[in-house]
Every structure is written in structure tokens, then in C-alpha cells.
Amino acid sequence: MDPSINVLGGPLQTCSNEPLTGWYRDGCCNTDSNDRGSHTVCCVLNENFLQFAKGQGNDLITPAPEFNFPGLKPGDSWCVCARTWLDAVNAGQACPIDLEATHQHALEVIPLGVLETHAV
């Protein structure tokens, strides 16, 4: 696992334990070189983003019990792929994010200024 540092340079905070999120399902947006999607952005989901992701082929709404996935709803926090979130920004469908719970590796895809404009 890469060091647990957020985009502000501090310790990475928990994104969500309920539902349990993260590449490691540890509640944090931790990552490593195997995380090709870079699940590093801690989002506070809204309906616009959920529908955008679903339209892109990433259905975060429908439960998938076989993968221990509860399905998500507006208000849930979840670690999403940096590129997906940036695509949502560019489409005007971004949801708010938690900077302290967003991993520094998100900065490889998203400029800090863009993240800051969507911070909760």
C-alpha cells in the first residue's frame, strides 16, 4: 500500500465505513500500483454523479450481493476513480468531495484547484 497521505499533505482520513469503501475496503481511499482505476477521490455522492457514472458503465446504484456491494445512494461517501470524477466535472455532473479523505495520488489526474472547488 502506498503511504496514506491526502491531497493537502496530511494523514489520509476515513472516507466511509458504512458503506465500507476503498480499494482495500478499509474505509479509506488508499491505493497501490494494482489499483489501475485510482480509487482515490472521496466523494459525497449525489444523484447527478450516480446517474453519470451509471451512464458511463459504472453502476454504483444497483446492489451486487455476490461482491458484498450494497448499492449506493445520494449522501453516501465512496472512493471513486479519479478519472471518472474528473470526467463528471467536465460534464457538469460532479459531486462534492472530502479533501482530507482524498488520496494524494488523485493529484496525478486532477489538479488541486479543481478538487478545492468541489470540497465540502
C-alpha atoms as a PDB file:
ATOM      1  CA  MET A   1       0.000   0.000   0.000  1.00  0.00           C
ATOM      2  CA  ASP A   2       1.205   3.488  -0.840  1.00  0.00           C
ATOM      3  CA  PRO A   3       1.597   5.969   2.051  1.00  0.00           C
ATOM      4  CA  SER A   4      -1.761   7.189   3.397  1.00  0.00           C
ATOM      5  CA  ILE A   5      -1.366  10.899   2.611  1.00  0.00           C
ATOM      6  CA  ASN A   6      -4.198  13.166   1.470  1.00  0.00           C
ATOM      7  CA  VAL A   7      -4.141  15.851  -1.233  1.00  0.00           C
ATOM      8  CA  LEU A   8      -3.403  18.501   1.403  1.00  0.00           C
ATOM      9  CA  GLY A   9      -0.270  16.644   2.571  1.00  0.00           C
ATOM     10  CA  GLY A  10      -1.756  15.418   5.845  1.00  0.00           C
ATOM     11  CA  PRO A  11      -2.808  11.990   7.080  1.00  0.00           C
ATOM     12  CA  LEU A  12      -5.491  10.359   4.946  1.00  0.00           C
ATOM     13  CA  GLN A  13      -8.820  10.444   6.794  1.00  0.00           C
ATOM     14  CA  THR A  14     -11.578   7.836   6.623  1.00  0.00           C
ATOM     15  CA  CYS A  15     -13.963   8.249   3.706  1.00  0.00           C
ATOM     16  CA  SER A  16     -16.678   5.797   4.792  1.00  0.00           C
ATOM     17  CA  ASN A  17     -17.059   2.752   6.987  1.00  0.00           C
ATOM     18  CA  GLU A  18     -20.758   2.456   6.197  1.00  0.00           C
ATOM     19  CA  PRO A  19     -20.905   1.582   3.430  1.00  0.00           C
ATOM     20  CA  LEU A  20     -17.358   0.248   3.650  1.00  0.00           C
ATOM     21  CA  THR A  21     -15.343   1.762   0.808  1.00  0.00           C
ATOM     22  CA  GLY A  22     -11.839   1.822  -0.605  1.00  0.00           C
ATOM     23  CA  TRP A  23      -9.616  -0.256  -2.857  1.00  0.00           C
ATOM     24  CA  TYR A  24      -8.697  -2.226   0.279  1.00  0.00           C
ATOM     25  CA  ARG A  25     -12.227  -1.960   1.742  1.00  0.00           C
ATOM     26  CA  ASP A  26     -10.626  -0.320   4.770  1.00  0.00           C
ATOM     27  CA  GLY A  27     -12.850   2.767   4.765  1.00  0.00           C
ATOM     28  CA  CYS A  28     -10.097   4.911   3.217  1.00  0.00           C
ATOM     29  CA  CYS A  29      -9.136   5.825  -0.338  1.00  0.00           C
ATOM     30  CA  ASN A  30      -5.809   4.039  -0.019  1.00  0.00           C
ATOM     31  CA  THR A  31      -4.212   2.786  -3.217  1.00  0.00           C
ATOM     32  CA  ASP A  32      -1.317   0.871  -4.705  1.00  0.00           C
ATOM     33  CA  SER A  33       0.095   0.077  -8.138  1.00  0.00           C
ATOM     34  CA  ASN A  34      -2.581  -2.606  -8.715  1.00  0.00           C
ATOM     35  CA  ASP A  35      -5.367  -0.011  -8.434  1.00  0.00           C
ATOM     36  CA  ARG A  36      -5.487   0.816 -12.143  1.00  0.00           C
ATOM     37  CA  GLY A  37      -8.624   2.924 -11.707  1.00  0.00           C
ATOM     38  CA  SER A  38      -7.046   5.029  -8.937  1.00  0.00           C
ATOM     39  CA  HIS A  39      -9.977   4.803  -6.488  1.00  0.00           C
ATOM     40  CA  THR A  40      -8.600   7.819  -4.664  1.00  0.00           C
ATOM     41  CA  VAL A  41     -11.315  10.512  -4.620  1.00  0.00           C
ATOM     42  CA  CYS A  42     -13.582  10.526  -1.564  1.00  0.00           C
ATOM     43  CA  CYS A  43     -16.938  11.631  -2.942  1.00  0.00           C
ATOM     44  CA  VAL A  44     -20.127  12.592  -1.173  1.00  0.00           C
ATOM     45  CA  LEU A  45     -22.420  11.099  -3.778  1.00  0.00           C
ATOM     46  CA  ASN A  46     -25.376  12.896  -5.306  1.00  0.00           C
ATOM     47  CA  GLU A  47     -27.980  11.752  -7.816  1.00  0.00           C
ATOM     48  CA  ASN A  48     -26.331  13.566 -10.747  1.00  0.00           C
ATOM     49  CA  PHE A  49     -22.997  11.827 -10.200  1.00  0.00           C
ATOM     50  CA  LEU A  50     -24.590   8.406  -9.637  1.00  0.00           C
ATOM     51  CA  GLN A  51     -26.534   8.707 -12.902  1.00  0.00           C
ATOM     52  CA  PHE A  52     -23.436   9.992 -14.725  1.00  0.00           C
ATOM     53  CA  ALA A  53     -21.341   7.032 -13.517  1.00  0.00           C
ATOM     54  CA  LYS A  54     -24.105   4.594 -14.468  1.00  0.00           C
ATOM     55  CA  GLY A  55     -24.252   6.143 -17.935  1.00  0.00           C
ATOM     56  CA  GLN A  56     -20.509   5.549 -18.237  1.00  0.00           C
ATOM     57  CA  GLY A  57     -20.973   1.849 -17.426  1.00  0.00           C
ATOM     58  CA  ASN A  58     -20.184   2.082 -13.709  1.00  0.00           C
ATOM     59  CA  ASP A  59     -23.453   1.280 -11.921  1.00  0.00           C
ATOM     60  CA  LEU A  60     -22.910   2.280  -8.308  1.00  0.00           C
ATOM     61  CA  ILE A  61     -26.636   2.188  -7.531  1.00  0.00           C
ATOM     62  CA  THR A  62     -27.617  -1.450  -8.016  1.00  0.00           C
ATOM     63  CA  PRO A  63     -26.684  -3.780  -5.138  1.00  0.00           C
ATOM     64  CA  ALA A  64     -24.377  -6.686  -6.048  1.00  0.00           C
ATOM     65  CA  PRO A  65     -24.529  -9.033  -3.034  1.00  0.00           C
ATOM     66  CA  GLU A  66     -22.192 -11.517  -4.718  1.00  0.00           C
ATOM     67  CA  PHE A  67     -19.471  -8.846  -4.393  1.00  0.00           C
ATOM     68  CA  ASN A  68     -20.637  -7.648  -0.968  1.00  0.00           C
ATOM     69  CA  PHE A  69     -21.679  -4.381  -2.607  1.00  0.00           C
ATOM     70  CA  PRO A  70     -24.744  -2.746  -1.034  1.00  0.00           C
ATOM     71  CA  GLY A  71     -25.538  -0.263  -3.797  1.00  0.00           C
ATOM     72  CA  LEU A  72     -25.118   3.435  -3.121  1.00  0.00           C
ATOM     73  CA  LYS A  73     -27.472   6.367  -2.702  1.00  0.00           C
ATOM     74  CA  PRO A  74     -27.137  10.144  -2.543  1.00  0.00           C
ATOM     75  CA  GLY A  75     -25.396  11.196   0.670  1.00  0.00           C
ATOM     76  CA  ASP A  76     -23.177   8.104   0.846  1.00  0.00           C
ATOM     77  CA  SER A  77     -19.425   8.652   0.744  1.00  0.00           C
ATOM     78  CA  TRP A  78     -17.394   6.444  -1.587  1.00  0.00           C
ATOM     79  CA  CYS A  79     -13.887   6.240  -3.049  1.00  0.00           C
ATOM     80  CA  VAL A  80     -14.264   6.706  -6.800  1.00  0.00           C
ATOM     81  CA  CYS A  81     -11.820   6.586  -9.672  1.00  0.00           C
ATOM     82  CA  ALA A  82     -10.039   9.882 -10.213  1.00  0.00           C
ATOM     83  CA  ARG A  83     -10.654   9.842 -13.985  1.00  0.00           C
ATOM     84  CA  THR A  84     -14.390   9.116 -13.542  1.00  0.00           C
ATOM     85  CA  TRP A  85     -14.754  12.020 -11.134  1.00  0.00           C
ATOM     86  CA  LEU A  86     -12.827  14.362 -13.439  1.00  0.00           C
ATOM     87  CA  ASP A  87     -14.991  13.269 -16.378  1.00  0.00           C
ATOM     88  CA  ALA A  88     -18.042  14.112 -14.244  1.00  0.00           C
ATOM     89  CA  VAL A  89     -16.553  17.554 -13.526  1.00  0.00           C
ATOM     90  CA  ASN A  90     -16.088  18.151 -17.241  1.00  0.00           C
ATOM     91  CA  ALA A  91     -19.689  17.052 -17.880  1.00  0.00           C
ATOM     92  CA  GLY A  92     -21.055  19.324 -15.138  1.00  0.00           C
ATOM     93  CA  GLN A  93     -22.112  16.306 -13.029  1.00  0.00           C
ATOM     94  CA  ALA A  94     -19.502  16.264 -10.253  1.00  0.00           C
ATOM     95  CA  CYS A  95     -20.389  15.593  -6.645  1.00  0.00           C
ATOM     96  CA  PRO A  96     -18.702  17.182  -3.620  1.00  0.00           C
ATOM     97  CA  ILE A  97     -15.500  15.640  -2.292  1.00  0.00           C
ATOM     98  CA  ASP A  98     -13.727  15.392   1.048  1.00  0.00           C
ATOM     99  CA  LEU A  99     -10.166  16.691   0.571  1.00  0.00           C
ATOM    100  CA  GLU A 100      -8.842  15.201   3.810  1.00  0.00           C
ATOM    101  CA  ALA A 101     -10.060  11.755   2.734  1.00  0.00           C
ATOM    102  CA  THR A 102      -8.885  12.045  -0.901  1.00  0.00           C
ATOM    103  CA  HIS A 103      -5.541  10.307  -1.524  1.00  0.00           C
ATOM    104  CA  GLN A 104      -2.621  12.339  -2.866  1.00  0.00           C
ATOM    105  CA  HIS A 105      -2.438  10.068  -5.925  1.00  0.00           C
ATOM    106  CA  ALA A 106      -5.620  11.753  -7.184  1.00  0.00           C
ATOM    107  CA  LEU A 107      -3.350  14.723  -7.974  1.00  0.00           C
ATOM    108  CA  GLU A 108      -1.780  12.656 -10.766  1.00  0.00           C
ATOM    109  CA  VAL A 109      -5.094  13.052 -12.625  1.00  0.00           C
ATOM    110  CA  ILE A 110      -6.851  16.062 -11.090  1.00  0.00           C
ATOM    111  CA  PRO A 111      -5.314  19.471 -10.301  1.00  0.00           C
ATOM    112  CA  LEU A 112      -5.652  20.518  -6.654  1.00  0.00           C
ATOM    113  CA  GLY A 113      -7.527  23.675  -7.676  1.00  0.00           C
ATOM    114  CA  VAL A 114     -10.253  21.600  -9.325  1.00  0.00           C
ATOM    115  CA  LEU A 115     -10.563  19.427  -6.216  1.00  0.00           C
ATOM    116  CA  GLU A 116     -10.745  22.502  -3.988  1.00  0.00           C
ATOM    117  CA  THR A 117     -13.654  23.973  -5.948  1.00  0.00           C
ATOM    118  CA  HIS A 118     -15.721  20.878  -5.111  1.00  0.00           C
ATOM    119  CA  ALA A 119     -14.629  20.413  -1.496  1.00  0.00           C
ATOM    120  CA  VAL A 120     -17.182  20.010   1.287  1.00  0.00           C
END
